[in-house]
Amino acid sequence: MELPEINQNLKETRDELLGILNGLSGDQLNKRIDSNRWSISQVCQHLSKTEELYVVAIRRGLKSKEDSIIENKPLDFLLDRSQKLEAPDMAKPTDEPLEYQEIIEKLNSSREKLYETLSTIEDPSVLSRRHFIHPVFKEMLLIEWVRSLYLHERRHIEQINEILAECK
């Protein structure tokens, strides 16, 4: 999968997320079904934190001058919500309630950092030749880091939809 197609998927997924969030009240955003599950606000915090961590990883991977010969990872399992994944501590949200505008600012800020990083790349094929160590996937090509972002976001859109359905 090439970067333009990934960018389109990133945009479509983010538009879908923002569409879901639009019009939700502070109570809807911050309500937790139970203490073991995140609120919508916390899911969004996690998404923005993860995206910022990925930007750091991509930047570090781009600093490498050596080509990597690594197989693409099977990332589609990210869409399987029957498999629970534990977020690393650095990507976990706080318990602090956030208002709609704060959530949107966090999501916009993290996405802006991603696009800034990607726009500095003169030859996008370098993303398929460089890697960085992922905490779950181990050695992972940078293009897969970028691709996994929209898959990860789709996973959490499903989670948000589940939360909304349970709150009705």
C-alpha atoms as a PDB file:
ATOM      1  CA  MET A   1       0.000   0.000   0.000  1.00  0.00           C
ATOM      2  CA  GLU A   2       1.393   3.359  -1.041  1.00  0.00           C
ATOM      3  CA  LEU A   3       1.450   6.562   1.009  1.00  0.00           C
ATOM      4  CA  PRO A   4      -1.276   8.438  -0.971  1.00  0.00           C
ATOM      5  CA  GLU A   5      -3.721   5.574  -0.351  1.00  0.00           C
ATOM      6  CA  ILE A   6      -2.735   5.434   3.318  1.00  0.00           C
ATOM      7  CA  ASN A   7      -3.211   9.203   3.605  1.00  0.00           C
ATOM      8  CA  GLN A   8      -6.688   8.853   2.087  1.00  0.00           C
ATOM      9  CA  ASN A   9      -7.539   6.135   4.627  1.00  0.00           C
ATOM     10  CA  LEU A  10      -6.191   8.305   7.444  1.00  0.00           C
ATOM     11  CA  LYS A  11      -8.405  11.185   6.293  1.00  0.00           C
ATOM     12  CA  GLU A  12     -11.529   9.044   5.856  1.00  0.00           C
ATOM     13  CA  THR A  13     -11.089   7.380   9.232  1.00  0.00           C
ATOM     14  CA  ARG A  14     -10.513  10.694  11.001  1.00  0.00           C
ATOM     15  CA  ASP A  15     -13.523  12.253   9.268  1.00  0.00           C
ATOM     16  CA  GLU A  16     -15.633   9.318  10.457  1.00  0.00           C
ATOM     17  CA  LEU A  17     -14.363   9.746  14.020  1.00  0.00           C
ATOM     18  CA  LEU A  18     -15.015  13.494  14.037  1.00  0.00           C
ATOM     19  CA  GLY A  19     -18.491  12.888  12.628  1.00  0.00           C
ATOM     20  CA  ILE A  20     -19.278  10.527  15.514  1.00  0.00           C
ATOM     21  CA  LEU A  21     -17.934  12.968  18.107  1.00  0.00           C
ATOM     22  CA  ASN A  22     -19.770  15.960  16.671  1.00  0.00           C
ATOM     23  CA  GLY A  23     -22.698  16.904  18.876  1.00  0.00           C
ATOM     24  CA  LEU A  24     -21.863  14.611  21.802  1.00  0.00           C
ATOM     25  CA  SER A  25     -22.297  16.206  25.225  1.00  0.00           C
ATOM     26  CA  GLY A  26     -19.620  16.336  27.908  1.00  0.00           C
ATOM     27  CA  ASP A  27     -21.519  13.623  29.761  1.00  0.00           C
ATOM     28  CA  GLN A  28     -21.565  11.357  26.714  1.00  0.00           C
ATOM     29  CA  LEU A  29     -17.871  11.960  26.074  1.00  0.00           C
ATOM     30  CA  ASN A  30     -16.763  11.304  29.648  1.00  0.00           C
ATOM     31  CA  LYS A  31     -19.174   8.595  30.834  1.00  0.00           C
ATOM     32  CA  ARG A  32     -17.566   5.259  31.654  1.00  0.00           C
ATOM     33  CA  ILE A  33     -19.710   2.135  31.363  1.00  0.00           C
ATOM     34  CA  ASP A  34     -17.612   0.575  34.118  1.00  0.00           C
ATOM     35  CA  SER A  35     -14.266   1.190  35.794  1.00  0.00           C
ATOM     36  CA  ASN A  36     -12.491  -1.324  33.533  1.00  0.00           C
ATOM     37  CA  ARG A  37     -13.461   0.473  30.335  1.00  0.00           C
ATOM     38  CA  TRP A  38     -12.529   3.816  28.871  1.00  0.00           C
ATOM     39  CA  SER A  39     -14.865   6.679  28.148  1.00  0.00           C
ATOM     40  CA  ILE A  40     -15.083   8.125  24.626  1.00  0.00           C
ATOM     41  CA  SER A  41     -12.900  10.992  25.809  1.00  0.00           C
ATOM     42  CA  GLN A  42     -10.288   8.523  27.036  1.00  0.00           C
ATOM     43  CA  VAL A  43     -10.383   6.597  23.761  1.00  0.00           C
ATOM     44  CA  CYS A  44      -9.700   9.872  21.931  1.00  0.00           C
ATOM     45  CA  GLN A  45      -6.882  10.754  24.326  1.00  0.00           C
ATOM     46  CA  HIS A  46      -5.376   7.334  23.610  1.00  0.00           C
ATOM     47  CA  LEU A  47      -5.657   7.908  19.860  1.00  0.00           C
ATOM     48  CA  SER A  48      -3.887  11.269  19.999  1.00  0.00           C
ATOM     49  CA  LYS A  49      -1.171   9.977  22.368  1.00  0.00           C
ATOM     50  CA  THR A  50      -0.571   6.950  20.147  1.00  0.00           C
ATOM     51  CA  GLU A  51      -0.338   9.109  17.048  1.00  0.00           C
ATOM     52  CA  GLU A  52       2.210  11.388  18.728  1.00  0.00           C
ATOM     53  CA  LEU A  53       4.272   8.381  19.840  1.00  0.00           C
ATOM     54  CA  TYR A  54       4.161   7.023  16.292  1.00  0.00           C
ATOM     55  CA  VAL A  55       5.405  10.358  14.921  1.00  0.00           C
ATOM     56  CA  VAL A  56       8.434  10.119  17.235  1.00  0.00           C
ATOM     57  CA  ALA A  57       9.074   6.543  16.111  1.00  0.00           C
ATOM     58  CA  ILE A  58       8.752   7.442  12.419  1.00  0.00           C
ATOM     59  CA  ARG A  59      11.155  10.375  12.845  1.00  0.00           C
ATOM     60  CA  ARG A  60      13.669   8.125  14.577  1.00  0.00           C
ATOM     61  CA  GLY A  61      13.323   5.471  11.907  1.00  0.00           C
ATOM     62  CA  LEU A  62      13.891   8.070   9.186  1.00  0.00           C
ATOM     63  CA  LYS A  63      17.240   8.989  10.769  1.00  0.00           C
ATOM     64  CA  SER A  64      18.581   5.544   9.906  1.00  0.00           C
ATOM     65  CA  LYS A  65      20.688   5.428   6.749  1.00  0.00           C
ATOM     66  CA  GLU A  66      20.496   1.659   6.311  1.00  0.00           C
ATOM     67  CA  ASP A  67      17.839  -0.082   4.284  1.00  0.00           C
ATOM     68  CA  SER A  68      15.823  -2.710   6.115  1.00  0.00           C
ATOM     69  CA  ILE A  69      14.648  -5.969   4.635  1.00  0.00           C
ATOM     70  CA  ILE A  70      11.634  -6.746   6.779  1.00  0.00           C
ATOM     71  CA  GLU A  71       8.403  -8.461   5.847  1.00  0.00           C
ATOM     72  CA  ASN A  72       5.203  -6.470   6.107  1.00  0.00           C
ATOM     73  CA  LYS A  73       3.327  -7.267   9.303  1.00  0.00           C
ATOM     74  CA  PRO A  74      -0.206  -8.654   9.253  1.00  0.00           C
ATOM     75  CA  LEU A  75      -1.933  -5.602  10.692  1.00  0.00           C
ATOM     76  CA  ASP A  76      -5.549  -6.416   9.891  1.00  0.00           C
ATOM     77  CA  PHE A  77      -5.889  -8.204  13.234  1.00  0.00           C
ATOM     78  CA  LEU A  78      -6.059  -4.684  14.698  1.00  0.00           C
ATOM     79  CA  LEU A  79      -9.637  -4.593  13.438  1.00  0.00           C
ATOM     80  CA  ASP A  80     -10.559  -7.724  15.409  1.00  0.00           C
ATOM     81  CA  ARG A  81     -12.073  -6.374  18.624  1.00  0.00           C
ATOM     82  CA  SER A  82     -12.525  -9.894  20.004  1.00  0.00           C
ATOM     83  CA  GLN A  83      -8.790  -9.787  20.753  1.00  0.00           C
ATOM     84  CA  LYS A  84      -8.174  -7.433  23.674  1.00  0.00           C
ATOM     85  CA  LEU A  85      -4.966  -5.447  23.361  1.00  0.00           C
ATOM     86  CA  GLU A  86      -3.370  -3.714  26.326  1.00  0.00           C
ATOM     87  CA  ALA A  87      -2.177  -0.191  25.620  1.00  0.00           C
ATOM     88  CA  PRO A  88       1.357   0.588  26.802  1.00  0.00           C
ATOM     89  CA  ASP A  89       1.416   2.933  29.800  1.00  0.00           C
ATOM     90  CA  MET A  90       2.693   5.857  27.727  1.00  0.00           C
ATOM     91  CA  ALA A  91      -0.363   5.604  25.453  1.00  0.00           C
ATOM     92  CA  LYS A  92      -2.936   5.250  28.223  1.00  0.00           C
ATOM     93  CA  PRO A  93      -5.334   8.154  28.843  1.00  0.00           C
ATOM     94  CA  THR A  94      -5.747  10.057  32.054  1.00  0.00           C
ATOM     95  CA  ASP A  95      -8.934  10.041  34.136  1.00  0.00           C
ATOM     96  CA  GLU A  96      -9.310  13.788  33.557  1.00  0.00           C
ATOM     97  CA  PRO A  97     -12.636  14.590  31.860  1.00  0.00           C
ATOM     98  CA  LEU A  98     -12.254  16.557  28.647  1.00  0.00           C
ATOM     99  CA  GLU A  99     -14.710  18.732  26.789  1.00  0.00           C
ATOM    100  CA  TYR A 100     -15.446  18.294  23.103  1.00  0.00           C
ATOM    101  CA  GLN A 101     -13.196  21.163  21.993  1.00  0.00           C
ATOM    102  CA  GLU A 102     -10.203  19.855  23.991  1.00  0.00           C
ATOM    103  CA  ILE A 103     -10.594  16.420  22.422  1.00  0.00           C
ATOM    104  CA  ILE A 104     -10.770  17.890  18.920  1.00  0.00           C
ATOM    105  CA  GLU A 105      -7.673  20.022  19.584  1.00  0.00           C
ATOM    106  CA  LYS A 106      -5.704  16.967  20.756  1.00  0.00           C
ATOM    107  CA  LEU A 107      -6.764  14.929  17.722  1.00  0.00           C
ATOM    108  CA  ASN A 108      -6.006  17.799  15.321  1.00  0.00           C
ATOM    109  CA  SER A 109      -2.637  18.458  16.936  1.00  0.00           C
ATOM    110  CA  SER A 110      -1.461  14.868  16.724  1.00  0.00           C
ATOM    111  CA  ARG A 111      -2.623  14.555  13.109  1.00  0.00           C
ATOM    112  CA  GLU A 112      -0.905  17.824  12.207  1.00  0.00           C
ATOM    113  CA  LYS A 113       2.376  16.472  13.644  1.00  0.00           C
ATOM    114  CA  LEU A 114       1.986  13.313  11.573  1.00  0.00           C
ATOM    115  CA  TYR A 115       1.337  15.236   8.351  1.00  0.00           C
ATOM    116  CA  GLU A 116       4.241  17.618   9.084  1.00  0.00           C
ATOM    117  CA  THR A 117       6.565  14.655   9.456  1.00  0.00           C
ATOM    118  CA  LEU A 118       5.299  12.919   6.330  1.00  0.00           C
ATOM    119  CA  SER A 119       5.500  16.137   4.289  1.00  0.00           C
ATOM    120  CA  THR A 120       9.238  16.454   5.020  1.00  0.00           C
ATOM    121  CA  ILE A 121       9.981  13.148   3.287  1.00  0.00           C
ATOM    122  CA  GLU A 122      11.399  13.808  -0.172  1.00  0.00           C
ATOM    123  CA  ASP A 123      11.164  10.178  -1.314  1.00  0.00           C
ATOM    124  CA  PRO A 124       8.157   8.403   0.268  1.00  0.00           C
ATOM    125  CA  SER A 125       9.594   5.011  -0.737  1.00  0.00           C
ATOM    126  CA  VAL A 126      12.033   5.437   2.149  1.00  0.00           C
ATOM    127  CA  LEU A 127       9.113   4.521   4.437  1.00  0.00           C
ATOM    128  CA  SER A 128       9.192   1.044   2.902  1.00  0.00           C
ATOM    129  CA  ARG A 129      12.949   0.734   3.376  1.00  0.00           C
ATOM    130  CA  ARG A 130      13.388   1.923   6.968  1.00  0.00           C
ATOM    131  CA  HIS A 131      12.107   0.431  10.181  1.00  0.00           C
ATOM    132  CA  PHE A 132      11.768   1.140  13.857  1.00  0.00           C
ATOM    133  CA  ILE A 133      11.072  -1.188  16.763  1.00  0.00           C
ATOM    134  CA  HIS A 134       7.394  -1.353  17.729  1.00  0.00           C
ATOM    135  CA  PRO A 135       6.497  -2.468  21.287  1.00  0.00           C
ATOM    136  CA  VAL A 136       4.096  -5.152  19.978  1.00  0.00           C
ATOM    137  CA  PHE A 137       5.205  -5.912  16.409  1.00  0.00           C
ATOM    138  CA  LYS A 138       8.981  -5.610  17.028  1.00  0.00           C
ATOM    139  CA  GLU A 139      10.789  -4.636  13.797  1.00  0.00           C
ATOM    140  CA  MET A 140       8.260  -2.821  11.641  1.00  0.00           C
ATOM    141  CA  LEU A 141       8.686  -0.849   8.427  1.00  0.00           C
ATOM    142  CA  LEU A 142       7.805   2.836   8.768  1.00  0.00           C
ATOM    143  CA  ILE A 143       5.103   2.535   6.096  1.00  0.00           C
ATOM    144  CA  GLU A 144       3.450  -0.064   8.335  1.00  0.00           C
ATOM    145  CA  TRP A 145       3.645   2.335  11.288  1.00  0.00           C
ATOM    146  CA  VAL A 146       1.697   4.868   9.240  1.00  0.00           C
ATOM    147  CA  ARG A 147      -0.766   2.268   7.932  1.00  0.00           C
ATOM    148  CA  SER A 148      -1.430   0.878  11.392  1.00  0.00           C
ATOM    149  CA  LEU A 149      -2.573   4.315  12.565  1.00  0.00           C
ATOM    150  CA  TYR A 150      -5.801   4.290  10.563  1.00  0.00           C
ATOM    151  CA  LEU A 151      -6.409   0.619  11.366  1.00  0.00           C
ATOM    152  CA  HIS A 152      -5.900   1.412  15.048  1.00  0.00           C
ATOM    153  CA  GLU A 153      -8.292   4.345  14.758  1.00  0.00           C
ATOM    154  CA  ARG A 154     -10.912   2.167  13.025  1.00  0.00           C
ATOM    155  CA  ARG A 155     -10.615  -0.305  15.900  1.00  0.00           C
ATOM    156  CA  HIS A 156     -11.356   2.455  18.380  1.00  0.00           C
ATOM    157  CA  ILE A 157     -14.213   3.868  16.298  1.00  0.00           C
ATOM    158  CA  GLU A 158     -15.849   0.478  16.807  1.00  0.00           C
ATOM    159  CA  GLN A 159     -15.177   0.800  20.534  1.00  0.00           C
ATOM    160  CA  ILE A 160     -16.752   4.269  20.587  1.00  0.00           C
ATOM    161  CA  ASN A 161     -19.789   2.966  18.712  1.00  0.00           C
ATOM    162  CA  GLU A 162     -20.121   0.182  21.286  1.00  0.00           C
ATOM    163  CA  ILE A 163     -19.941   2.720  24.120  1.00  0.00           C
ATOM    164  CA  LEU A 164     -22.621   4.875  22.476  1.00  0.00           C
ATOM    165  CA  ALA A 165     -24.876   1.870  21.925  1.00  0.00           C
ATOM    166  CA  GLU A 166     -24.553   0.815  25.572  1.00  0.00           C
ATOM    167  CA  CYS A 167     -25.303   4.332  26.842  1.00  0.00           C
ATOM    168  CA  LYS A 168     -28.672   4.517  25.060  1.00  0.00           C
END
